[in-house]
N, C-alpha and C. Protein backbone atom coordinates (compact mmCIF):
# COMPACT_ATOMS: atom_id res chain seq x y z
N MET A 1 27.13 122.34 112.77
CA MET A 1 27.59 121.81 114.03
C MET A 1 26.99 120.44 114.31
N TYR A 2 25.74 120.20 113.92
CA TYR A 2 25.11 118.93 114.21
C TYR A 2 25.39 117.87 113.17
N ALA A 3 25.63 118.25 111.94
CA ALA A 3 25.84 117.26 110.88
C ALA A 3 27.32 116.95 110.71
N VAL A 4 28.02 116.87 111.81
CA VAL A 4 29.45 116.58 111.79
C VAL A 4 29.67 115.22 112.45
N PRO A 5 30.22 114.28 111.72
CA PRO A 5 30.45 112.97 112.34
C PRO A 5 31.51 113.06 113.43
N SER A 6 31.39 112.18 114.39
CA SER A 6 32.34 112.17 115.49
C SER A 6 32.59 110.74 115.92
N ASN A 7 33.82 110.45 116.25
CA ASN A 7 34.11 109.13 116.82
C ASN A 7 34.58 109.30 118.27
N LEU A 8 34.14 110.42 118.89
CA LEU A 8 34.49 110.65 120.29
C LEU A 8 33.76 109.67 121.19
N SER A 9 34.42 109.25 122.22
CA SER A 9 33.81 108.39 123.21
C SER A 9 32.83 109.21 124.06
N PRO A 10 31.69 108.65 124.41
CA PRO A 10 30.77 109.36 125.30
C PRO A 10 31.41 109.66 126.66
N ALA A 11 32.51 108.99 126.97
CA ALA A 11 33.20 109.22 128.24
C ALA A 11 34.24 110.34 128.14
N SER A 12 34.47 110.87 126.93
CA SER A 12 35.51 111.89 126.78
C SER A 12 35.02 113.26 127.24
N GLU A 13 35.94 114.07 127.73
CA GLU A 13 35.59 115.42 128.18
C GLU A 13 35.14 116.29 127.02
N LYS A 14 35.75 116.13 125.86
CA LYS A 14 35.37 116.92 124.69
C LYS A 14 33.92 116.64 124.29
N PHE A 15 33.53 115.37 124.30
CA PHE A 15 32.15 114.99 123.97
C PHE A 15 31.19 115.62 124.98
N GLU A 16 31.52 115.55 126.26
CA GLU A 16 30.68 116.13 127.31
C GLU A 16 30.55 117.64 127.13
N ASP A 17 31.64 118.31 126.76
CA ASP A 17 31.60 119.75 126.51
C ASP A 17 30.68 120.07 125.34
N TRP A 18 30.75 119.29 124.25
CA TRP A 18 29.88 119.51 123.08
C TRP A 18 28.41 119.39 123.48
N VAL A 19 28.09 118.33 124.21
CA VAL A 19 26.70 118.10 124.62
C VAL A 19 26.22 119.24 125.52
N THR A 20 27.04 119.64 126.47
CA THR A 20 26.67 120.73 127.38
C THR A 20 26.40 122.01 126.61
N LYS A 21 27.27 122.34 125.66
CA LYS A 21 27.08 123.56 124.85
C LYS A 21 25.81 123.48 124.02
N ARG A 22 25.51 122.33 123.46
CA ARG A 22 24.29 122.16 122.65
C ARG A 22 23.05 122.34 123.51
N VAL A 23 23.06 121.78 124.72
CA VAL A 23 21.93 121.94 125.63
C VAL A 23 21.75 123.42 125.97
N GLN A 24 22.84 124.11 126.26
CA GLN A 24 22.77 125.54 126.58
C GLN A 24 22.21 126.34 125.41
N MET A 25 22.64 126.01 124.18
CA MET A 25 22.13 126.71 123.00
C MET A 25 20.63 126.50 122.84
N LEU A 26 20.17 125.27 123.03
CA LEU A 26 18.74 124.97 122.91
C LEU A 26 17.93 125.71 123.96
N ARG A 27 18.41 125.73 125.19
CA ARG A 27 17.69 126.42 126.27
C ARG A 27 17.67 127.93 126.03
N LYS A 28 18.76 128.48 125.52
CA LYS A 28 18.82 129.92 125.24
C LYS A 28 17.86 130.27 124.10
N ALA A 29 17.79 129.43 123.08
CA ALA A 29 16.92 129.69 121.93
C ALA A 29 15.44 129.45 122.26
N ASN A 30 15.19 128.66 123.31
CA ASN A 30 13.81 128.31 123.70
C ASN A 30 13.63 128.49 125.20
N PRO A 31 13.60 129.74 125.67
CA PRO A 31 13.54 129.97 127.12
C PRO A 31 12.28 129.42 127.79
N ASP A 32 11.22 129.18 127.03
CA ASP A 32 10.00 128.63 127.61
C ASP A 32 10.13 127.15 127.97
N MET A 33 11.21 126.51 127.53
CA MET A 33 11.44 125.10 127.82
C MET A 33 11.68 124.86 129.31
N GLU A 34 12.22 125.86 129.98
CA GLU A 34 12.61 125.74 131.38
C GLU A 34 13.44 124.48 131.58
N GLU A 35 12.97 123.55 132.38
CA GLU A 35 13.75 122.34 132.65
C GLU A 35 13.19 121.11 131.91
N THR A 36 12.48 121.33 130.80
CA THR A 36 11.96 120.22 130.01
C THR A 36 13.12 119.35 129.55
N ALA A 37 12.95 118.05 129.65
CA ALA A 37 13.99 117.12 129.20
C ALA A 37 14.20 117.25 127.69
N ILE A 38 15.44 117.25 127.28
CA ILE A 38 15.80 117.33 125.87
C ILE A 38 16.17 115.93 125.39
N PRO A 39 15.59 115.48 124.27
CA PRO A 39 15.95 114.14 123.76
C PRO A 39 17.46 114.05 123.52
N VAL A 40 18.06 112.97 123.98
CA VAL A 40 19.50 112.80 123.88
C VAL A 40 19.98 112.86 122.43
N GLU A 41 19.15 112.38 121.50
CA GLU A 41 19.54 112.37 120.09
C GLU A 41 19.68 113.79 119.53
N LEU A 42 19.05 114.75 120.21
CA LEU A 42 19.11 116.13 119.74
C LEU A 42 20.43 116.80 120.06
N VAL A 43 21.14 116.31 121.05
CA VAL A 43 22.40 116.95 121.46
C VAL A 43 23.61 116.05 121.25
N THR A 44 23.39 114.87 120.69
CA THR A 44 24.49 113.98 120.33
C THR A 44 24.35 113.68 118.84
N CYS A 45 25.33 113.05 118.25
CA CYS A 45 25.20 112.69 116.84
C CYS A 45 25.80 111.31 116.63
N SER A 46 25.34 110.67 115.58
CA SER A 46 25.82 109.32 115.25
C SER A 46 27.18 109.42 114.58
N GLY A 47 27.73 108.30 114.26
CA GLY A 47 29.00 108.27 113.54
C GLY A 47 28.94 108.96 112.20
N SER A 48 27.75 108.96 111.58
CA SER A 48 27.61 109.64 110.28
C SER A 48 27.32 111.13 110.46
N GLY A 49 26.90 111.52 111.68
CA GLY A 49 26.55 112.91 111.93
C GLY A 49 25.10 113.21 111.65
N LEU A 50 24.36 112.23 111.14
CA LEU A 50 22.95 112.44 110.81
C LEU A 50 22.10 111.38 111.50
N ASP A 51 21.19 111.82 112.32
CA ASP A 51 20.28 110.92 113.02
C ASP A 51 18.88 111.12 112.48
N GLN A 52 18.28 110.06 111.99
CA GLN A 52 16.95 110.20 111.39
C GLN A 52 15.83 110.04 112.39
N HIS A 53 16.09 109.50 113.57
CA HIS A 53 15.02 109.28 114.54
C HIS A 53 15.30 110.07 115.82
N ILE A 54 14.39 110.96 116.15
CA ILE A 54 14.50 111.76 117.37
C ILE A 54 13.37 111.33 118.29
N SER A 55 13.70 111.06 119.55
CA SER A 55 12.67 110.67 120.52
C SER A 55 11.67 111.81 120.69
N PRO A 56 10.41 111.48 120.92
CA PRO A 56 9.42 112.53 121.13
C PRO A 56 9.70 113.28 122.44
N LEU A 57 9.42 114.57 122.45
CA LEU A 57 9.62 115.40 123.63
C LEU A 57 8.50 115.13 124.61
N LYS A 58 8.85 114.81 125.84
CA LYS A 58 7.85 114.52 126.88
C LYS A 58 7.81 115.67 127.85
N ARG A 59 6.62 116.14 128.13
CA ARG A 59 6.45 117.25 129.07
C ARG A 59 5.82 116.77 130.33
């Protein structure tokens, strides 16, 4: 699911749905996160589908 390239606009509803579902999956898999901010790179993907740099998680 994450290593899939996309040329969707960040303004598209489909892109927003993908990001929302990814955030929900992460929160479900890590219930101790509560409302911790999730790095945007973790729930979006580049044109190649592979992002080598993830922002550090800030608590």
